[in-house]
Amino acid sequence: MQIHTLHGYIQHIFLIEDADRLLLLDGCSRADVDMVCGYITDTLSRPLSDLKLVVVTHMHPDHAGGAHKLRDATGARIAAHPKAARWYAGTMGRAAHIIDVALMYWVANRLGKGKRMTWYSPILKPDILLEDTQLLPGFSDWQVLYTPGHTNHDLSLLHTATRKMYVADLLVKVKGQLCPPYPVCHPNQYRRSLKRVAALHLDTLFCAHVKPLEANSVPFDDIIQNAPTRPKNHWHSTKNRIVKKLGISKYKANQRDNH
């Protein structure tokens, strides 16, 4: 088993090479599809049909945006949690999808990347639904773990023989410090997911936006202690700003009435 790290549009992409097949640990962004396909054919000298499975750990643009295009190009199957397909369903979901694509452009701009085609269907159509603790179909040395919090359907992938684990966006870095991602939609579940990963006593953690980490060096207790206790996402941030503004307006009105 070899892990190939590719530098995607705004995230690390992990392509797993076995003797007769390839596994993509996440669906990357639509902007990454040609690069992934070129890496398979040009660098690895393998046919695109060797890519057998693309896992979508969650539905954000840099993790799901390339999945359908990769399936079209290679014939690979898409695997995801049962809740993933409906993450962007409905009017509110569509609005969140637009915001998330816009946020990816913002991150890309901060990284000095130009605008590229990143739009993708907000409704995932997986071939395989993954449940907690099951083994990946066709890749039985990889185990699926349900680690929600960032969204309601986050998955992590554990290579059982080497104790290496891909945790997607479970951890990010801000100003050089490991911390929770944005958003954290389900804070209680997020802290439970961190505790679960910490208890596994892993060797290495692979993250989408952080260089590989020695698991025993990750300050899980501090991150859990400082993790948000209330949802931290687009809707709650907007609501809090509105409430704060209304509160200030009400305070000013009361001050005027008292005078």
C-alpha atoms as a PDB file:
ATOM      1  CA  MET A   1       0.000   0.000   0.000  1.00  0.00           C
ATOM      2  CA  GLN A   2       1.358   3.381  -1.038  1.00  0.00           C
ATOM      3  CA  ILE A   3      -0.118   6.772  -0.189  1.00  0.00           C
ATOM      4  CA  HIS A   4       0.407   9.402  -2.881  1.00  0.00           C
ATOM      5  CA  THR A   5      -0.147  12.996  -1.759  1.00  0.00           C
ATOM      6  CA  LEU A   6      -1.339  15.366  -4.467  1.00  0.00           C
ATOM      7  CA  HIS A   7      -1.625  19.117  -4.005  1.00  0.00           C
ATOM      8  CA  GLY A   8      -5.155  20.070  -4.966  1.00  0.00           C
ATOM      9  CA  TYR A   9      -6.846  23.383  -5.575  1.00  0.00           C
ATOM     10  CA  ILE A  10      -7.097  24.209  -1.862  1.00  0.00           C
ATOM     11  CA  GLN A  11      -6.476  20.851  -0.142  1.00  0.00           C
ATOM     12  CA  HIS A  12      -4.292  17.757   0.017  1.00  0.00           C
ATOM     13  CA  ILE A  13      -5.539  14.785  -1.994  1.00  0.00           C
ATOM     14  CA  PHE A  14      -4.625  11.254  -0.946  1.00  0.00           C
ATOM     15  CA  LEU A  15      -4.530   8.577  -3.627  1.00  0.00           C
ATOM     16  CA  ILE A  16      -3.970   5.029  -2.397  1.00  0.00           C
ATOM     17  CA  GLU A  17      -2.159   2.586  -4.660  1.00  0.00           C
ATOM     18  CA  ASP A  18      -2.484  -1.150  -4.227  1.00  0.00           C
ATOM     19  CA  ALA A  19      -1.058  -3.751  -6.585  1.00  0.00           C
ATOM     20  CA  ASP A  20      -4.100  -3.906  -8.842  1.00  0.00           C
ATOM     21  CA  ARG A  21      -6.308  -0.967  -7.883  1.00  0.00           C
ATOM     22  CA  LEU A  22      -6.463   2.637  -6.723  1.00  0.00           C
ATOM     23  CA  LEU A  23      -8.539   4.318  -4.016  1.00  0.00           C
ATOM     24  CA  LEU A  24      -9.174   8.044  -3.619  1.00  0.00           C
ATOM     25  CA  LEU A  25      -9.734   8.959   0.017  1.00  0.00           C
ATOM     26  CA  ASP A  26     -11.884  11.954  -0.890  1.00  0.00           C
ATOM     27  CA  GLY A  27     -13.790  13.350  -3.854  1.00  0.00           C
ATOM     28  CA  CYS A  28     -11.588  16.504  -4.130  1.00  0.00           C
ATOM     29  CA  SER A  29     -12.853  19.571  -6.030  1.00  0.00           C
ATOM     30  CA  ARG A  30     -14.035  19.755  -9.600  1.00  0.00           C
ATOM     31  CA  ALA A  31     -10.930  21.816 -10.361  1.00  0.00           C
ATOM     32  CA  ASP A  32      -8.759  18.819  -9.398  1.00  0.00           C
ATOM     33  CA  VAL A  33     -10.255  16.180 -11.686  1.00  0.00           C
ATOM     34  CA  ASP A  34      -7.903  16.614 -14.658  1.00  0.00           C
ATOM     35  CA  MET A  35      -4.883  16.721 -12.367  1.00  0.00           C
ATOM     36  CA  VAL A  36      -5.878  13.486 -10.587  1.00  0.00           C
ATOM     37  CA  CYS A  37      -6.517  11.725 -13.888  1.00  0.00           C
ATOM     38  CA  GLY A  38      -3.185  12.965 -15.277  1.00  0.00           C
ATOM     39  CA  TYR A  39      -1.359  11.727 -12.181  1.00  0.00           C
ATOM     40  CA  ILE A  40      -2.843   8.248 -12.607  1.00  0.00           C
ATOM     41  CA  THR A  41      -1.964   7.960 -16.301  1.00  0.00           C
ATOM     42  CA  ASP A  42       1.276   9.971 -16.506  1.00  0.00           C
ATOM     43  CA  THR A  43       2.961   9.553 -13.106  1.00  0.00           C
ATOM     44  CA  LEU A  44       1.720   6.109 -12.104  1.00  0.00           C
ATOM     45  CA  SER A  45       1.468   4.813 -15.699  1.00  0.00           C
ATOM     46  CA  ARG A  46      -1.817   3.124 -14.938  1.00  0.00           C
ATOM     47  CA  PRO A  47      -5.138   3.148 -16.797  1.00  0.00           C
ATOM     48  CA  LEU A  48      -7.901   5.333 -15.385  1.00  0.00           C
ATOM     49  CA  SER A  49      -9.979   2.201 -14.919  1.00  0.00           C
ATOM     50  CA  ASP A  50      -7.642   1.220 -12.050  1.00  0.00           C
ATOM     51  CA  LEU A  51      -9.366   3.844  -9.890  1.00  0.00           C
ATOM     52  CA  LYS A  52     -12.027   1.670  -8.303  1.00  0.00           C
ATOM     53  CA  LEU A  53     -13.437   3.733  -5.453  1.00  0.00           C
ATOM     54  CA  VAL A  54     -13.841   7.421  -4.565  1.00  0.00           C
ATOM     55  CA  VAL A  55     -14.899   8.115  -0.987  1.00  0.00           C
ATOM     56  CA  VAL A  56     -16.714  11.364  -0.228  1.00  0.00           C
ATOM     57  CA  THR A  57     -16.037  12.138   3.430  1.00  0.00           C
ATOM     58  CA  HIS A  58     -18.479  15.058   3.385  1.00  0.00           C
ATOM     59  CA  MET A  59     -20.201  17.286   0.881  1.00  0.00           C
ATOM     60  CA  HIS A  60     -18.105  20.467   0.935  1.00  0.00           C
ATOM     61  CA  PRO A  61     -16.728  21.581  -2.474  1.00  0.00           C
ATOM     62  CA  ASP A  62     -13.141  20.456  -1.888  1.00  0.00           C
ATOM     63  CA  HIS A  63     -14.267  16.982  -0.802  1.00  0.00           C
ATOM     64  CA  ALA A  64     -17.191  16.156  -3.082  1.00  0.00           C
ATOM     65  CA  GLY A  65     -16.902  18.504  -6.046  1.00  0.00           C
ATOM     66  CA  GLY A  66     -14.946  16.134  -8.272  1.00  0.00           C
ATOM     67  CA  ALA A  67     -16.675  12.873  -7.399  1.00  0.00           C
ATOM     68  CA  HIS A  68     -19.203  12.693 -10.235  1.00  0.00           C
ATOM     69  CA  LYS A  69     -16.664  13.827 -12.850  1.00  0.00           C
ATOM     70  CA  LEU A  70     -14.147  11.259 -11.622  1.00  0.00           C
ATOM     71  CA  ARG A  71     -16.765   8.518 -11.873  1.00  0.00           C
ATOM     72  CA  ASP A  72     -17.560   9.596 -15.426  1.00  0.00           C
ATOM     73  CA  ALA A  73     -13.863   9.606 -16.379  1.00  0.00           C
ATOM     74  CA  THR A  74     -12.737   6.390 -14.691  1.00  0.00           C
ATOM     75  CA  GLY A  75     -15.747   4.194 -13.936  1.00  0.00           C
ATOM     76  CA  ALA A  76     -14.940   4.299 -10.217  1.00  0.00           C
ATOM     77  CA  ARG A  77     -17.770   3.903  -7.730  1.00  0.00           C
ATOM     78  CA  ILE A  78     -18.619   6.663  -5.247  1.00  0.00           C
ATOM     79  CA  ALA A  79     -19.035   5.815  -1.562  1.00  0.00           C
ATOM     80  CA  ALA A  80     -20.439   8.129   1.130  1.00  0.00           C
ATOM     81  CA  HIS A  81     -22.436   8.237   4.354  1.00  0.00           C
ATOM     82  CA  PRO A  82     -26.221   7.866   3.891  1.00  0.00           C
ATOM     83  CA  LYS A  83     -26.823  11.448   5.077  1.00  0.00           C
ATOM     84  CA  ALA A  84     -24.423  13.001   2.555  1.00  0.00           C
ATOM     85  CA  ALA A  85     -26.812  13.041  -0.390  1.00  0.00           C
ATOM     86  CA  ARG A  86     -29.255  15.377   1.348  1.00  0.00           C
ATOM     87  CA  TRP A  87     -26.823  17.799   2.979  1.00  0.00           C
ATOM     88  CA  TYR A  88     -27.617  20.520   0.455  1.00  0.00           C
ATOM     89  CA  ALA A  89     -31.272  19.579  -0.086  1.00  0.00           C
ATOM     90  CA  GLY A  90     -34.021  22.202  -0.032  1.00  0.00           C
ATOM     91  CA  THR A  91     -33.897  25.982  -0.293  1.00  0.00           C
ATOM     92  CA  MET A  92     -31.629  26.443   2.728  1.00  0.00           C
ATOM     93  CA  GLY A  93     -29.358  23.686   1.488  1.00  0.00           C
ATOM     94  CA  ARG A  94     -29.010  25.290  -1.930  1.00  0.00           C
ATOM     95  CA  ALA A  95     -28.129  28.602  -0.298  1.00  0.00           C
ATOM     96  CA  ALA A  96     -25.505  26.868   1.866  1.00  0.00           C
ATOM     97  CA  HIS A  97     -24.057  25.215  -1.237  1.00  0.00           C
ATOM     98  CA  ILE A  98     -23.600  28.586  -2.957  1.00  0.00           C
ATOM     99  CA  ILE A  99     -21.974  30.025   0.170  1.00  0.00           C
ATOM    100  CA  ASP A 100     -19.604  27.055   0.459  1.00  0.00           C
ATOM    101  CA  VAL A 101     -18.492  27.358  -3.173  1.00  0.00           C
ATOM    102  CA  ALA A 102     -17.920  31.089  -2.603  1.00  0.00           C
ATOM    103  CA  LEU A 103     -15.873  30.304   0.524  1.00  0.00           C
ATOM    104  CA  MET A 104     -13.695  27.949  -1.501  1.00  0.00           C
ATOM    105  CA  TYR A 105     -12.962  30.760  -3.962  1.00  0.00           C
ATOM    106  CA  TRP A 106     -12.073  32.987  -1.013  1.00  0.00           C
ATOM    107  CA  VAL A 107      -9.617  30.393   0.333  1.00  0.00           C
ATOM    108  CA  ALA A 108      -8.165  29.853  -3.148  1.00  0.00           C
ATOM    109  CA  ASN A 109      -7.618  33.601  -3.505  1.00  0.00           C
ATOM    110  CA  ARG A 110      -5.764  33.705  -0.164  1.00  0.00           C
ATOM    111  CA  LEU A 111      -3.574  30.846  -1.418  1.00  0.00           C
ATOM    112  CA  GLY A 112      -2.789  32.777  -4.592  1.00  0.00           C
ATOM    113  CA  LYS A 113      -4.860  30.487  -6.802  1.00  0.00           C
ATOM    114  CA  GLY A 114      -6.880  31.847  -9.701  1.00  0.00           C
ATOM    115  CA  LYS A 115     -10.559  31.211 -10.253  1.00  0.00           C
ATOM    116  CA  ARG A 116     -11.319  27.851 -11.803  1.00  0.00           C
ATOM    117  CA  MET A 117     -14.472  25.893 -12.578  1.00  0.00           C
ATOM    118  CA  THR A 118     -15.540  24.413  -9.265  1.00  0.00           C
ATOM    119  CA  TRP A 119     -19.337  24.258  -9.531  1.00  0.00           C
ATOM    120  CA  TYR A 120     -20.775  20.804  -8.896  1.00  0.00           C
ATOM    121  CA  SER A 121     -24.127  19.206  -8.207  1.00  0.00           C
ATOM    122  CA  PRO A 122     -25.300  19.784  -4.639  1.00  0.00           C
ATOM    123  CA  ILE A 123     -27.015  16.391  -4.680  1.00  0.00           C
ATOM    124  CA  LEU A 124     -24.599  13.478  -4.490  1.00  0.00           C
ATOM    125  CA  LYS A 125     -25.535  10.228  -6.187  1.00  0.00           C
ATOM    126  CA  PRO A 126     -23.402   7.584  -4.444  1.00  0.00           C
ATOM    127  CA  ASP A 127     -23.108   3.987  -5.556  1.00  0.00           C
ATOM    128  CA  ILE A 128     -22.287   2.709  -2.070  1.00  0.00           C
ATOM    129  CA  LEU A 129     -23.560   3.832   1.339  1.00  0.00           C
ATOM    130  CA  LEU A 130     -21.046   3.502   4.151  1.00  0.00           C
ATOM    131  CA  GLU A 131     -21.843   2.764   7.772  1.00  0.00           C
ATOM    132  CA  ASP A 132     -19.719   3.176  10.886  1.00  0.00           C
ATOM    133  CA  THR A 133     -16.976   0.532  11.398  1.00  0.00           C
ATOM    134  CA  GLN A 134     -17.537  -1.268   8.089  1.00  0.00           C
ATOM    135  CA  LEU A 135     -14.629  -2.097   5.788  1.00  0.00           C
ATOM    136  CA  LEU A 136     -14.339  -0.319   2.454  1.00  0.00           C
ATOM    137  CA  PRO A 137     -15.654  -2.484  -0.393  1.00  0.00           C
ATOM    138  CA  GLY A 138     -12.689  -3.769  -2.363  1.00  0.00           C
ATOM    139  CA  PHE A 139     -10.222  -2.305   0.168  1.00  0.00           C
ATOM    140  CA  SER A 140     -10.692  -4.420   3.275  1.00  0.00           C
ATOM    141  CA  ASP A 141      -7.623  -3.007   5.002  1.00  0.00           C
ATOM    142  CA  TRP A 142      -9.430   0.343   5.305  1.00  0.00           C
ATOM    143  CA  GLN A 143     -12.128   0.832   7.939  1.00  0.00           C
ATOM    144  CA  VAL A 144     -14.833   3.502   7.900  1.00  0.00           C
ATOM    145  CA  LEU A 145     -15.403   5.544  11.051  1.00  0.00           C
ATOM    146  CA  TYR A 146     -18.290   7.978  11.478  1.00  0.00           C
ATOM    147  CA  THR A 147     -16.840  11.216  12.890  1.00  0.00           C
ATOM    148  CA  PRO A 148     -19.557  13.890  12.638  1.00  0.00           C
ATOM    149  CA  GLY A 149     -19.419  17.427  13.933  1.00  0.00           C
ATOM    150  CA  HIS A 150     -18.072  19.482  11.037  1.00  0.00           C
ATOM    151  CA  THR A 151     -21.209  18.231   9.245  1.00  0.00           C
ATOM    152  CA  ASN A 152     -23.743  15.561  10.169  1.00  0.00           C
ATOM    153  CA  HIS A 153     -22.153  12.959   7.885  1.00  0.00           C
ATOM    154  CA  ASP A 154     -18.343  13.204   8.202  1.00  0.00           C
ATOM    155  CA  LEU A 155     -16.348  10.036   7.649  1.00  0.00           C
ATOM    156  CA  SER A 156     -12.762   9.179   8.540  1.00  0.00           C
ATOM    157  CA  LEU A 157     -10.803   6.293   7.049  1.00  0.00           C
ATOM    158  CA  LEU A 158      -8.456   4.079   9.066  1.00  0.00           C
ATOM    159  CA  HIS A 159      -5.778   1.865   7.542  1.00  0.00           C
ATOM    160  CA  THR A 160      -5.932  -0.840  10.164  1.00  0.00           C
ATOM    161  CA  ALA A 161      -2.517  -2.419   9.530  1.00  0.00           C
ATOM    162  CA  THR A 162      -0.470   0.785   9.836  1.00  0.00           C
ATOM    163  CA  ARG A 163      -2.768   2.780  12.175  1.00  0.00           C
ATOM    164  CA  LYS A 164      -2.764   5.665   9.733  1.00  0.00           C
ATOM    165  CA  MET A 165      -6.012   7.591   9.479  1.00  0.00           C
ATOM    166  CA  TYR A 166      -7.438  10.183   7.121  1.00  0.00           C
ATOM    167  CA  VAL A 167      -9.648  12.566   9.110  1.00  0.00           C
ATOM    168  CA  ALA A 168     -10.492  15.079   6.332  1.00  0.00           C
ATOM    169  CA  ASP A 169     -11.516  18.364   8.057  1.00  0.00           C
ATOM    170  CA  LEU A 170     -11.672  17.117  11.632  1.00  0.00           C
ATOM    171  CA  LEU A 171      -8.642  19.325  12.351  1.00  0.00           C
ATOM    172  CA  VAL A 172      -7.300  22.463  10.679  1.00  0.00           C
ATOM    173  CA  LYS A 173      -4.599  24.994  11.527  1.00  0.00           C
ATOM    174  CA  VAL A 174      -5.062  28.676  12.201  1.00  0.00           C
ATOM    175  CA  LYS A 175      -1.975  30.798  12.895  1.00  0.00           C
ATOM    176  CA  GLY A 176       0.043  27.629  13.290  1.00  0.00           C
ATOM    177  CA  GLN A 177      -2.235  26.084  15.926  1.00  0.00           C
ATOM    178  CA  LEU A 178      -4.399  22.992  15.489  1.00  0.00           C
ATOM    179  CA  CYS A 179      -8.046  23.822  16.040  1.00  0.00           C
ATOM    180  CA  PRO A 180     -11.610  22.906  15.026  1.00  0.00           C
ATOM    181  CA  PRO A 181     -12.692  23.621  11.456  1.00  0.00           C
ATOM    182  CA  TYR A 182     -15.324  26.044  10.250  1.00  0.00           C
ATOM    183  CA  PRO A 183     -18.130  25.241  10.361  1.00  0.00           C
ATOM    184  CA  VAL A 184     -18.811  23.076  13.379  1.00  0.00           C
ATOM    185  CA  CYS A 185     -22.479  22.306  12.868  1.00  0.00           C
ATOM    186  CA  HIS A 186     -22.831  19.788  15.695  1.00  0.00           C
ATOM    187  CA  PRO A 187     -20.482  20.736  18.560  1.00  0.00           C
ATOM    188  CA  ASN A 188     -21.365  17.863  20.909  1.00  0.00           C
ATOM    189  CA  GLN A 189     -20.818  15.312  18.156  1.00  0.00           C
ATOM    190  CA  TYR A 190     -17.592  17.055  17.171  1.00  0.00           C
ATOM    191  CA  ARG A 191     -16.108  16.677  20.651  1.00  0.00           C
ATOM    192  CA  ARG A 192     -17.182  13.021  20.759  1.00  0.00           C
ATOM    193  CA  SER A 193     -15.478  12.454  17.397  1.00  0.00           C
ATOM    194  CA  LEU A 194     -12.241  13.980  18.686  1.00  0.00           C
ATOM    195  CA  LYS A 195     -12.367  11.789  21.783  1.00  0.00           C
ATOM    196  CA  ARG A 196     -12.976   8.726  19.623  1.00  0.00           C
ATOM    197  CA  VAL A 197      -9.994   9.451  17.393  1.00  0.00           C
ATOM    198  CA  ALA A 198      -7.760  10.219  20.393  1.00  0.00           C
ATOM    199  CA  ALA A 199      -8.693   6.894  22.012  1.00  0.00           C
ATOM    200  CA  LEU A 200      -7.540   4.914  18.976  1.00  0.00           C
ATOM    201  CA  HIS A 201      -3.840   5.598  19.715  1.00  0.00           C
ATOM    202  CA  LEU A 202      -3.007   6.056  16.054  1.00  0.00           C
ATOM    203  CA  ASP A 203       0.331   6.427  14.338  1.00  0.00           C
ATOM    204  CA  THR A 204      -0.362   9.182  11.802  1.00  0.00           C
ATOM    205  CA  LEU A 205      -3.235  11.515  11.007  1.00  0.00           C
ATOM    206  CA  PHE A 206      -3.755  12.744   7.464  1.00  0.00           C
ATOM    207  CA  CYS A 207      -5.811  15.925   7.127  1.00  0.00           C
ATOM    208  CA  ALA A 208      -7.111  17.747   4.092  1.00  0.00           C
ATOM    209  CA  HIS A 209      -5.584  21.091   5.091  1.00  0.00           C
ATOM    210  CA  VAL A 210      -2.723  20.179   7.438  1.00  0.00           C
ATOM    211  CA  LYS A 211       0.514  18.302   6.840  1.00  0.00           C
ATOM    212  CA  PRO A 212       0.572  14.721   8.205  1.00  0.00           C
ATOM    213  CA  LEU A 213       0.584  14.671  11.995  1.00  0.00           C
ATOM    214  CA  GLU A 214       2.098  12.279  14.505  1.00  0.00           C
ATOM    215  CA  ALA A 215      -1.048  11.352  16.385  1.00  0.00           C
ATOM    216  CA  ASN A 216       0.628  11.346  19.798  1.00  0.00           C
ATOM    217  CA  SER A 217       1.665  14.980  19.280  1.00  0.00           C
ATOM    218  CA  VAL A 218      -1.878  16.249  18.722  1.00  0.00           C
ATOM    219  CA  PRO A 219      -3.170  18.134  21.818  1.00  0.00           C
ATOM    220  CA  PHE A 220      -6.611  16.544  21.728  1.00  0.00           C
ATOM    221  CA  ASP A 221      -7.526  17.596  25.277  1.00  0.00           C
ATOM    222  CA  ASP A 222      -6.799  21.261  24.551  1.00  0.00           C
ATOM    223  CA  ILE A 223      -8.699  21.184  21.245  1.00  0.00           C
ATOM    224  CA  ILE A 224     -11.692  19.530  22.918  1.00  0.00           C
ATOM    225  CA  GLN A 225     -11.555  22.041  25.771  1.00  0.00           C
ATOM    226  CA  ASN A 226     -11.573  24.979  23.350  1.00  0.00           C
ATOM    227  CA  ALA A 227     -14.031  23.548  20.829  1.00  0.00           C
ATOM    228  CA  PRO A 228     -17.274  25.507  20.364  1.00  0.00           C
ATOM    229  CA  THR A 229     -20.190  24.561  22.572  1.00  0.00           C
ATOM    230  CA  ARG A 230     -22.760  26.051  20.207  1.00  0.00           C
ATOM    231  CA  PRO A 231     -23.116  25.557  16.449  1.00  0.00           C
ATOM    232  CA  LYS A 232     -20.693  27.687  14.472  1.00  0.00           C
ATOM    233  CA  ASN A 233     -21.898  27.888  10.892  1.00  0.00           C
ATOM    234  CA  HIS A 234     -23.322  30.298   8.301  1.00  0.00           C
ATOM    235  CA  TRP A 235     -26.835  30.406   9.729  1.00  0.00           C
ATOM    236  CA  HIS A 236     -25.901  30.785  13.377  1.00  0.00           C
ATOM    237  CA  SER A 237     -23.255  33.396  12.564  1.00  0.00           C
ATOM    238  CA  THR A 238     -25.802  35.405  10.576  1.00  0.00           C
ATOM    239  CA  LYS A 239     -28.447  35.000  13.287  1.00  0.00           C
ATOM    240  CA  ASN A 240     -26.011  36.081  16.004  1.00  0.00           C
ATOM    241  CA  ARG A 241     -25.042  39.172  14.020  1.00  0.00           C
ATOM    242  CA  ILE A 242     -28.719  40.061  13.556  1.00  0.00           C
ATOM    243  CA  VAL A 243     -29.513  39.458  17.236  1.00  0.00           C
ATOM    244  CA  LYS A 244     -26.505  41.499  18.299  1.00  0.00           C
ATOM    245  CA  LYS A 245     -27.490  44.334  15.989  1.00  0.00           C
ATOM    246  CA  LEU A 246     -31.096  44.241  17.204  1.00  0.00           C
ATOM    247  CA  GLY A 247     -29.863  44.183  20.792  1.00  0.00           C
ATOM    248  CA  ILE A 248     -27.719  47.268  20.223  1.00  0.00           C
ATOM    249  CA  SER A 249     -30.617  49.021  18.483  1.00  0.00           C
ATOM    250  CA  LYS A 250     -32.955  48.141  21.333  1.00  0.00           C
ATOM    251  CA  TYR A 251     -30.415  49.379  23.884  1.00  0.00           C
ATOM    252  CA  LYS A 252     -30.041  52.675  22.016  1.00  0.00           C
ATOM    253  CA  ALA A 253     -33.819  53.051  21.814  1.00  0.00           C
ATOM    254  CA  ASN A 254     -34.141  52.465  25.563  1.00  0.00           C
ATOM    255  CA  GLN A 255     -31.437  55.023  26.198  1.00  0.00           C
ATOM    256  CA  ARG A 256     -33.313  57.579  24.136  1.00  0.00           C
ATOM    257  CA  ASP A 257     -36.584  56.781  25.945  1.00  0.00           C
ATOM    258  CA  ASN A 258     -34.881  57.178  29.324  1.00  0.00           C
ATOM    259  CA  HIS A 259     -33.716  60.627  28.332  1.00  0.00           C
END
